[in-house]
Amino acid sequence: MPNTAIDNLDQEINPFAVWLIAKVQPFATDLRRIIASLKIKSDIERQLKSG
């Protein structure tokens, strides 16, 4: 996957996660899932960019 596709997904996922936290006010379990998803996204992005 080219870096531009990764960057596009990043620009889509981060604002959505922030919106979920701010507007929906998730319960603790949902909040942990959102945070875990962001961490997984970062790990995948780092691995793909490193080669």
C-alpha atoms as a PDB file:
ATOM      1  CA  MET A   1       0.000   0.000   0.000  1.00  0.00           C
ATOM      2  CA  PRO A   2       1.576   3.324  -0.988  1.00  0.00           C
ATOM      3  CA  ASN A   3       2.258   5.870   1.714  1.00  0.00           C
ATOM      4  CA  THR A   4      -0.362   8.192   0.249  1.00  0.00           C
ATOM      5  CA  ALA A   5      -3.061   5.585   0.904  1.00  0.00           C
ATOM      6  CA  ILE A   6      -1.811   5.159   4.469  1.00  0.00           C
ATOM      7  CA  ASP A   7      -1.771   8.903   4.994  1.00  0.00           C
ATOM      8  CA  ASN A   8      -5.294   9.219   3.589  1.00  0.00           C
ATOM      9  CA  LEU A   9      -6.561   6.565   5.998  1.00  0.00           C
ATOM     10  CA  ASP A  10      -4.758   8.308   8.834  1.00  0.00           C
ATOM     11  CA  GLN A  11      -6.473  11.590   7.985  1.00  0.00           C
ATOM     12  CA  GLU A  12      -9.825   9.796   8.008  1.00  0.00           C
ATOM     13  CA  ILE A  13      -9.402   7.701  11.157  1.00  0.00           C
ATOM     14  CA  ASN A  14      -7.952  10.245  13.586  1.00  0.00           C
ATOM     15  CA  PRO A  15     -10.686  12.888  13.273  1.00  0.00           C
ATOM     16  CA  PHE A  16     -13.356  10.194  13.511  1.00  0.00           C
ATOM     17  CA  ALA A  17     -11.824   8.825  16.709  1.00  0.00           C
ATOM     18  CA  VAL A  18     -11.654  12.308  18.213  1.00  0.00           C
ATOM     19  CA  TRP A  19     -15.280  12.922  17.208  1.00  0.00           C
ATOM     20  CA  LEU A  20     -16.347   9.651  18.835  1.00  0.00           C
ATOM     21  CA  ILE A  21     -14.635  10.564  22.083  1.00  0.00           C
ATOM     22  CA  ALA A  22     -15.939  14.136  22.144  1.00  0.00           C
ATOM     23  CA  LYS A  23     -19.515  13.722  20.927  1.00  0.00           C
ATOM     24  CA  VAL A  24     -20.584  10.179  21.723  1.00  0.00           C
ATOM     25  CA  GLN A  25     -18.882  10.037  25.145  1.00  0.00           C
ATOM     26  CA  PRO A  26     -18.188   6.304  25.044  1.00  0.00           C
ATOM     27  CA  PHE A  27     -18.182   4.061  28.072  1.00  0.00           C
ATOM     28  CA  ALA A  28     -14.839   2.824  29.368  1.00  0.00           C
ATOM     29  CA  THR A  29     -14.838  -0.384  27.313  1.00  0.00           C
ATOM     30  CA  ASP A  30     -15.680   1.503  24.118  1.00  0.00           C
ATOM     31  CA  LEU A  31     -13.057   4.124  24.896  1.00  0.00           C
ATOM     32  CA  ARG A  32     -10.437   1.403  25.333  1.00  0.00           C
ATOM     33  CA  ARG A  33     -11.395  -0.007  21.923  1.00  0.00           C
ATOM     34  CA  ILE A  34     -11.055   3.399  20.280  1.00  0.00           C
ATOM     35  CA  ILE A  35      -7.648   3.976  21.864  1.00  0.00           C
ATOM     36  CA  ALA A  36      -6.506   0.455  20.973  1.00  0.00           C
ATOM     37  CA  SER A  37      -7.597   1.025  17.369  1.00  0.00           C
ATOM     38  CA  LEU A  38      -5.523   4.195  17.187  1.00  0.00           C
ATOM     39  CA  LYS A  39      -2.492   2.380  18.590  1.00  0.00           C
ATOM     40  CA  ILE A  40      -2.912  -0.500  16.135  1.00  0.00           C
ATOM     41  CA  LYS A  41      -3.228   2.000  13.289  1.00  0.00           C
ATOM     42  CA  SER A  42       0.023   3.653  14.363  1.00  0.00           C
ATOM     43  CA  ASP A  43       1.822   0.310  14.603  1.00  0.00           C
ATOM     44  CA  ILE A  44       0.643  -0.790  11.160  1.00  0.00           C
ATOM     45  CA  GLU A  45       1.564   2.566   9.653  1.00  0.00           C
ATOM     46  CA  ARG A  46       5.059   2.420  11.178  1.00  0.00           C
ATOM     47  CA  GLN A  47       5.613  -1.141   9.922  1.00  0.00           C
ATOM     48  CA  LEU A  48       4.452  -0.343   6.402  1.00  0.00           C
ATOM     49  CA  LYS A  49       6.592   2.784   6.175  1.00  0.00           C
ATOM     50  CA  SER A  50       9.703   0.994   7.449  1.00  0.00           C
ATOM     51  CA  GLY A  51       9.509  -1.524   4.672  1.00  0.00           C
END
